[in-house]
């Protein structure tokens, strides 16, 4: 990981640090993916950067590659879990009106059923 920034009060930073258990699906030096504890679809994973970035608004141009890797990891998990062919949804919420409840950016990967539109 090029940067090591964390927030000791952040739920997801505590998961990254191993202080809180999670059903981990993928991990490398920069990214962690785990199953959501409150799934909104039969399959619901969260893909997060290990570096604490509170909201998408806080991401810098220098982190563009990291943000793109979140999408690549999501695609890889969808393929690995067998959802790529039927389809899946990726969602990133930003701030309260956007539905963000944990202030550490995270990409939702939802699959396993037909997903309605519009979502909210």
N, C-alpha and C. Protein backbone atom coordinates (compact mmCIF):
# COMPACT_ATOMS: atom_id res chain seq x y z
N UNK A 1 0.85 -1.16 0.00
CA UNK A 1 0.00 0.00 0.00
C UNK A 1 0.90 1.22 0.00
N UNK A 2 0.68 2.14 -0.93
CA UNK A 2 1.53 3.31 -1.04
C UNK A 2 1.31 4.28 0.11
N UNK A 3 0.07 4.42 0.58
CA UNK A 3 -0.24 5.28 1.71
C UNK A 3 -0.77 4.40 2.83
N UNK A 4 -0.53 4.83 4.06
CA UNK A 4 -1.10 4.10 5.18
C UNK A 4 -1.86 5.10 6.04
N UNK A 5 -3.06 5.43 5.62
CA UNK A 5 -3.89 6.37 6.32
C UNK A 5 -5.10 5.62 6.85
N UNK A 6 -5.35 5.76 8.17
CA UNK A 6 -6.53 5.13 8.73
C UNK A 6 -7.12 6.05 9.78
N UNK A 7 -8.37 5.78 10.12
CA UNK A 7 -9.09 6.52 11.14
C UNK A 7 -9.48 5.51 12.21
N UNK A 8 -8.96 5.63 13.43
CA UNK A 8 -9.24 4.63 14.46
C UNK A 8 -10.72 4.55 14.85
N UNK A 9 -11.52 5.54 14.50
CA UNK A 9 -12.96 5.53 14.79
C UNK A 9 -13.77 4.91 13.65
N UNK A 10 -13.14 4.65 12.51
CA UNK A 10 -13.84 4.18 11.31
C UNK A 10 -14.04 2.65 11.37
N UNK A 11 -15.28 2.24 11.20
CA UNK A 11 -15.62 0.81 11.19
C UNK A 11 -14.79 0.05 10.16
N UNK A 12 -14.70 0.57 8.94
CA UNK A 12 -13.99 -0.15 7.88
C UNK A 12 -12.48 -0.16 8.13
N UNK A 13 -11.92 0.92 8.68
CA UNK A 13 -10.49 0.91 9.03
C UNK A 13 -10.22 -0.15 10.09
N UNK A 14 -11.16 -0.34 11.00
CA UNK A 14 -11.00 -1.36 12.04
C UNK A 14 -11.11 -2.77 11.43
N UNK A 15 -11.93 -2.94 10.42
CA UNK A 15 -11.99 -4.23 9.71
C UNK A 15 -10.66 -4.48 9.00
N UNK A 16 -10.14 -3.46 8.31
CA UNK A 16 -8.84 -3.60 7.63
C UNK A 16 -7.76 -4.00 8.63
N UNK A 17 -7.78 -3.40 9.80
CA UNK A 17 -6.77 -3.68 10.83
C UNK A 17 -6.95 -5.03 11.50
N UNK A 18 -8.07 -5.71 11.23
CA UNK A 18 -8.33 -7.01 11.84
C UNK A 18 -8.95 -6.92 13.22
N UNK A 19 -9.34 -5.72 13.65
CA UNK A 19 -9.96 -5.54 14.97
C UNK A 19 -11.41 -6.03 14.99
N UNK A 20 -12.05 -5.99 13.84
CA UNK A 20 -13.43 -6.45 13.68
C UNK A 20 -13.41 -7.53 12.61
N UNK A 21 -14.00 -8.70 12.90
CA UNK A 21 -13.99 -9.78 11.89
C UNK A 21 -14.89 -9.46 10.71
N UNK A 22 -14.52 -10.01 9.57
CA UNK A 22 -15.32 -9.88 8.35
C UNK A 22 -15.12 -11.13 7.51
N UNK A 23 -16.14 -11.46 6.73
CA UNK A 23 -16.05 -12.59 5.79
C UNK A 23 -15.34 -12.08 4.54
N UNK A 24 -14.02 -12.19 4.54
CA UNK A 24 -13.18 -11.62 3.48
C UNK A 24 -13.27 -12.45 2.20
N UNK A 25 -13.45 -11.75 1.10
CA UNK A 25 -13.54 -12.39 -0.22
C UNK A 25 -12.30 -12.14 -1.06
N UNK A 26 -11.63 -11.02 -0.82
CA UNK A 26 -10.45 -10.62 -1.61
C UNK A 26 -9.63 -9.66 -0.77
N UNK A 27 -8.31 -9.76 -0.91
CA UNK A 27 -7.44 -8.80 -0.24
C UNK A 27 -6.11 -8.72 -0.96
N UNK A 28 -5.62 -7.49 -1.12
CA UNK A 28 -4.26 -7.26 -1.59
C UNK A 28 -3.71 -6.09 -0.78
N UNK A 29 -2.62 -5.50 -1.20
CA UNK A 29 -1.99 -4.43 -0.42
C UNK A 29 -2.85 -3.17 -0.31
N UNK A 30 -3.74 -2.94 -1.27
CA UNK A 30 -4.50 -1.70 -1.32
C UNK A 30 -6.01 -1.85 -1.11
N UNK A 31 -6.53 -3.06 -1.31
CA UNK A 31 -7.98 -3.26 -1.37
C UNK A 31 -8.39 -4.45 -0.52
N UNK A 32 -9.57 -4.33 0.08
CA UNK A 32 -10.18 -5.42 0.83
C UNK A 32 -11.63 -5.54 0.38
N UNK A 33 -12.10 -6.75 0.16
CA UNK A 33 -13.50 -7.01 -0.17
C UNK A 33 -14.04 -8.02 0.82
N UNK A 34 -15.27 -7.77 1.28
CA UNK A 34 -15.88 -8.66 2.27
C UNK A 34 -17.40 -8.62 2.10
N UNK A 35 -18.06 -9.63 2.63
CA UNK A 35 -19.52 -9.70 2.56
C UNK A 35 -20.14 -8.66 3.48
N UNK A 36 -21.20 -8.02 3.00
CA UNK A 36 -21.93 -7.04 3.79
C UNK A 36 -22.70 -7.78 4.89
N UNK A 37 -22.68 -7.27 6.12
CA UNK A 37 -23.40 -7.92 7.22
C UNK A 37 -24.90 -7.64 7.17
N UNK A 38 -25.31 -6.69 6.33
CA UNK A 38 -26.73 -6.36 6.15
C UNK A 38 -27.04 -6.43 4.65
N UNK A 39 -27.01 -7.63 4.07
CA UNK A 39 -27.13 -7.75 2.61
C UNK A 39 -28.46 -7.27 2.07
N UNK A 40 -28.39 -6.59 0.92
CA UNK A 40 -29.56 -6.07 0.23
C UNK A 40 -29.89 -6.89 -1.01
N UNK A 41 -29.17 -7.97 -1.21
CA UNK A 41 -29.38 -8.91 -2.32
C UNK A 41 -28.82 -10.26 -1.85
N UNK A 42 -29.15 -11.35 -2.54
CA UNK A 42 -28.60 -12.65 -2.13
C UNK A 42 -27.06 -12.64 -2.02
N UNK A 43 -26.41 -11.87 -2.88
CA UNK A 43 -24.96 -11.67 -2.77
C UNK A 43 -24.72 -10.18 -2.64
N UNK A 44 -24.03 -9.78 -1.58
CA UNK A 44 -23.75 -8.36 -1.36
C UNK A 44 -22.37 -8.25 -0.72
N UNK A 45 -21.44 -7.73 -1.48
CA UNK A 45 -20.08 -7.52 -0.99
C UNK A 45 -19.75 -6.04 -0.99
N UNK A 46 -18.80 -5.67 -0.16
CA UNK A 46 -18.26 -4.31 -0.12
C UNK A 46 -16.80 -4.38 -0.51
N UNK A 47 -16.39 -3.50 -1.40
CA UNK A 47 -15.01 -3.43 -1.85
C UNK A 47 -14.50 -2.07 -1.41
N UNK A 48 -13.43 -2.06 -0.59
CA UNK A 48 -12.95 -0.82 -0.01
C UNK A 48 -11.46 -0.64 -0.24
N UNK A 49 -11.00 0.61 -0.32
CA UNK A 49 -9.56 0.83 -0.28
C UNK A 49 -9.11 0.69 1.18
N UNK A 50 -7.93 0.20 1.39
CA UNK A 50 -7.41 0.10 2.75
C UNK A 50 -7.06 1.48 3.31
N UNK A 51 -6.76 2.41 2.44
CA UNK A 51 -6.52 3.79 2.84
C UNK A 51 -7.86 4.44 3.14
N UNK A 52 -7.93 5.16 4.24
CA UNK A 52 -9.18 5.84 4.62
C UNK A 52 -9.41 7.05 3.71
N UNK A 53 -10.50 7.01 2.98
CA UNK A 53 -11.00 8.13 2.19
C UNK A 53 -12.46 8.24 2.60
N UNK A 54 -12.85 9.32 3.25
CA UNK A 54 -14.18 9.41 3.85
C UNK A 54 -15.31 9.34 2.82
N UNK A 55 -15.24 10.16 1.79
CA UNK A 55 -16.28 10.18 0.76
C UNK A 55 -15.64 10.25 -0.61
N UNK A 56 -16.42 10.00 -1.63
CA UNK A 56 -15.91 10.12 -2.99
C UNK A 56 -15.42 11.54 -3.26
N UNK A 57 -16.05 12.52 -2.63
CA UNK A 57 -15.61 13.91 -2.77
C UNK A 57 -14.20 14.14 -2.25
N UNK A 58 -13.74 13.29 -1.34
CA UNK A 58 -12.42 13.44 -0.75
C UNK A 58 -11.32 12.74 -1.56
N UNK A 59 -11.69 11.96 -2.54
CA UNK A 59 -10.69 11.28 -3.38
C UNK A 59 -9.96 12.32 -4.23
N UNK A 60 -8.68 12.09 -4.42
CA UNK A 60 -7.86 13.00 -5.21
C UNK A 60 -7.60 12.41 -6.60
N UNK A 61 -7.19 13.25 -7.55
CA UNK A 61 -6.83 12.71 -8.86
C UNK A 61 -5.73 11.65 -8.77
N UNK A 62 -4.86 11.75 -7.79
CA UNK A 62 -3.79 10.76 -7.63
C UNK A 62 -4.34 9.40 -7.23
N UNK A 63 -5.58 9.34 -6.74
CA UNK A 63 -6.20 8.07 -6.33
C UNK A 63 -7.10 7.47 -7.40
N UNK A 64 -7.07 8.04 -8.60
CA UNK A 64 -7.92 7.55 -9.68
C UNK A 64 -7.64 6.09 -10.01
N UNK A 65 -6.40 5.70 -10.03
CA UNK A 65 -6.06 4.30 -10.33
C UNK A 65 -6.62 3.38 -9.25
N UNK A 66 -6.50 3.77 -7.99
CA UNK A 66 -7.04 2.99 -6.89
C UNK A 66 -8.55 2.84 -7.04
N UNK A 67 -9.25 3.91 -7.38
CA UNK A 67 -10.70 3.84 -7.56
C UNK A 67 -11.06 2.91 -8.71
N UNK A 68 -10.29 2.95 -9.78
CA UNK A 68 -10.52 2.04 -10.90
C UNK A 68 -10.28 0.59 -10.51
N UNK A 69 -9.31 0.36 -9.65
CA UNK A 69 -9.04 -1.00 -9.19
C UNK A 69 -10.20 -1.55 -8.36
N UNK A 70 -10.92 -0.68 -7.63
CA UNK A 70 -12.11 -1.15 -6.90
C UNK A 70 -13.08 -1.80 -7.88
N UNK A 71 -13.29 -1.16 -9.03
CA UNK A 71 -14.19 -1.71 -10.05
C UNK A 71 -13.65 -3.02 -10.62
N UNK A 72 -12.35 -3.08 -10.86
CA UNK A 72 -11.75 -4.31 -11.40
C UNK A 72 -11.88 -5.46 -10.41
N UNK A 73 -11.70 -5.19 -9.13
CA UNK A 73 -11.86 -6.22 -8.11
C UNK A 73 -13.31 -6.68 -8.07
N UNK A 74 -14.25 -5.73 -8.15
CA UNK A 74 -15.67 -6.10 -8.15
C UNK A 74 -15.98 -7.02 -9.32
N UNK A 75 -15.48 -6.71 -10.49
CA UNK A 75 -15.70 -7.55 -11.66
C UNK A 75 -15.12 -8.95 -11.44
N UNK A 76 -13.92 -9.01 -10.89
CA UNK A 76 -13.30 -10.30 -10.63
C UNK A 76 -14.10 -11.14 -9.65
N UNK A 77 -14.65 -10.50 -8.61
CA UNK A 77 -15.47 -11.23 -7.65
C UNK A 77 -16.75 -11.71 -8.32
N UNK A 78 -17.37 -10.87 -9.16
CA UNK A 78 -18.59 -11.28 -9.86
C UNK A 78 -18.33 -12.50 -10.74
N UNK A 79 -17.20 -12.52 -11.42
CA UNK A 79 -16.83 -13.67 -12.25
C UNK A 79 -16.62 -14.89 -11.35
N UNK A 80 -15.82 -14.73 -10.30
CA UNK A 80 -15.50 -15.83 -9.40
C UNK A 80 -16.74 -16.42 -8.74
N UNK A 81 -17.70 -15.58 -8.40
CA UNK A 81 -18.92 -16.04 -7.72
C UNK A 81 -20.00 -16.52 -8.70
N UNK A 82 -19.75 -16.37 -10.00
CA UNK A 82 -20.68 -16.87 -11.01
C UNK A 82 -21.82 -15.94 -11.37
N UNK A 83 -21.66 -14.63 -11.10
CA UNK A 83 -22.73 -13.67 -11.39
C UNK A 83 -22.48 -12.83 -12.63
N UNK A 84 -21.32 -12.92 -13.23
CA UNK A 84 -20.97 -12.04 -14.34
C UNK A 84 -21.91 -12.21 -15.53
N UNK A 85 -22.23 -13.42 -15.87
CA UNK A 85 -23.07 -13.69 -17.04
C UNK A 85 -24.50 -13.16 -16.85
N UNK A 86 -25.12 -13.46 -15.72
CA UNK A 86 -26.50 -13.02 -15.46
C UNK A 86 -26.57 -11.53 -15.19
N UNK A 87 -25.54 -10.99 -14.54
CA UNK A 87 -25.48 -9.57 -14.26
C UNK A 87 -25.38 -9.26 -12.79
N UNK A 88 -24.94 -8.07 -12.51
CA UNK A 88 -24.74 -7.59 -11.15
C UNK A 88 -24.77 -6.06 -11.17
N UNK A 89 -24.80 -5.48 -9.99
CA UNK A 89 -24.82 -4.02 -9.88
C UNK A 89 -23.67 -3.59 -8.97
N UNK A 90 -23.03 -2.48 -9.35
CA UNK A 90 -22.06 -1.83 -8.48
C UNK A 90 -22.61 -0.45 -8.13
N UNK A 91 -22.46 -0.06 -6.88
CA UNK A 91 -22.98 1.22 -6.40
C UNK A 91 -21.98 1.82 -5.43
N UNK A 92 -21.73 3.13 -5.56
CA UNK A 92 -20.94 3.85 -4.58
C UNK A 92 -21.75 5.07 -4.15
N UNK A 93 -22.11 5.11 -2.89
CA UNK A 93 -22.91 6.22 -2.35
C UNK A 93 -21.98 7.31 -1.83
N UNK A 94 -22.45 8.57 -1.89
CA UNK A 94 -21.64 9.68 -1.41
C UNK A 94 -22.49 10.60 -0.55
N UNK A 95 -22.11 10.72 0.70
CA UNK A 95 -22.76 11.57 1.70
C UNK A 95 -24.18 11.12 2.01
N UNK A 96 -24.82 11.79 2.96
CA UNK A 96 -26.09 11.29 3.51
C UNK A 96 -27.21 11.23 2.48
N UNK A 97 -27.39 12.24 1.64
CA UNK A 97 -28.46 12.19 0.64
C UNK A 97 -28.21 11.11 -0.41
N UNK A 98 -26.97 10.73 -0.59
CA UNK A 98 -26.63 9.66 -1.51
C UNK A 98 -26.73 8.28 -0.89
N UNK A 99 -27.02 8.22 0.41
CA UNK A 99 -27.19 6.94 1.08
C UNK A 99 -25.95 6.40 1.77
N UNK A 100 -24.89 7.21 1.88
CA UNK A 100 -23.68 6.73 2.54
C UNK A 100 -23.90 6.70 4.04
N UNK A 101 -23.62 5.56 4.66
CA UNK A 101 -23.79 5.43 6.10
C UNK A 101 -22.47 5.19 6.83
N UNK A 102 -21.47 4.66 6.14
CA UNK A 102 -20.13 4.52 6.71
C UNK A 102 -19.23 5.45 5.91
N UNK A 103 -18.57 6.36 6.60
CA UNK A 103 -17.76 7.37 5.92
C UNK A 103 -16.33 6.89 5.69
N UNK A 104 -16.26 5.89 4.83
CA UNK A 104 -15.03 5.31 4.26
C UNK A 104 -15.54 4.79 2.93
N UNK A 105 -15.04 5.34 1.81
CA UNK A 105 -15.64 4.96 0.53
C UNK A 105 -15.67 3.45 0.37
N UNK A 106 -16.74 2.99 -0.25
CA UNK A 106 -16.91 1.56 -0.46
C UNK A 106 -17.82 1.34 -1.67
N UNK A 107 -17.47 0.35 -2.42
CA UNK A 107 -18.22 -0.03 -3.61
C UNK A 107 -19.06 -1.24 -3.26
N UNK A 108 -20.37 -1.12 -3.43
CA UNK A 108 -21.27 -2.25 -3.20
C UNK A 108 -21.30 -3.11 -4.47
N UNK A 109 -21.26 -4.40 -4.31
CA UNK A 109 -21.44 -5.36 -5.39
C UNK A 109 -22.65 -6.21 -5.01
N UNK A 110 -23.73 -6.07 -5.79
CA UNK A 110 -24.99 -6.77 -5.51
C UNK A 110 -25.32 -7.70 -6.66
N UNK A 111 -25.77 -8.90 -6.32
CA UNK A 111 -26.09 -9.88 -7.36
C UNK A 111 -26.95 -10.99 -6.77
N UNK A 112 -27.37 -11.89 -7.64
CA UNK A 112 -28.11 -13.06 -7.20
C UNK A 112 -29.61 -12.97 -7.41
N UNK A 113 -30.09 -11.85 -7.91
CA UNK A 113 -31.50 -11.68 -8.24
C UNK A 113 -31.60 -10.53 -9.23
N UNK A 114 -32.76 -10.42 -9.88
CA UNK A 114 -33.01 -9.29 -10.77
C UNK A 114 -33.14 -8.05 -9.89
N UNK A 115 -32.36 -7.01 -10.21
CA UNK A 115 -32.36 -5.79 -9.42
C UNK A 115 -33.24 -4.73 -10.09
N UNK A 116 -34.11 -4.13 -9.31
CA UNK A 116 -35.07 -3.15 -9.84
C UNK A 116 -34.39 -1.81 -10.18
N UNK A 117 -35.07 -1.05 -11.04
CA UNK A 117 -34.63 0.30 -11.38
C UNK A 117 -35.85 1.18 -11.45
N UNK A 118 -35.88 2.37 -10.90
CA UNK A 118 -34.75 3.00 -10.22
C UNK A 118 -34.53 2.38 -8.84
N UNK A 119 -33.28 2.49 -8.33
CA UNK A 119 -32.93 1.81 -7.10
C UNK A 119 -33.50 2.43 -5.83
N UNK A 120 -33.78 3.72 -5.79
CA UNK A 120 -34.21 4.31 -4.54
C UNK A 120 -35.21 5.33 -4.75
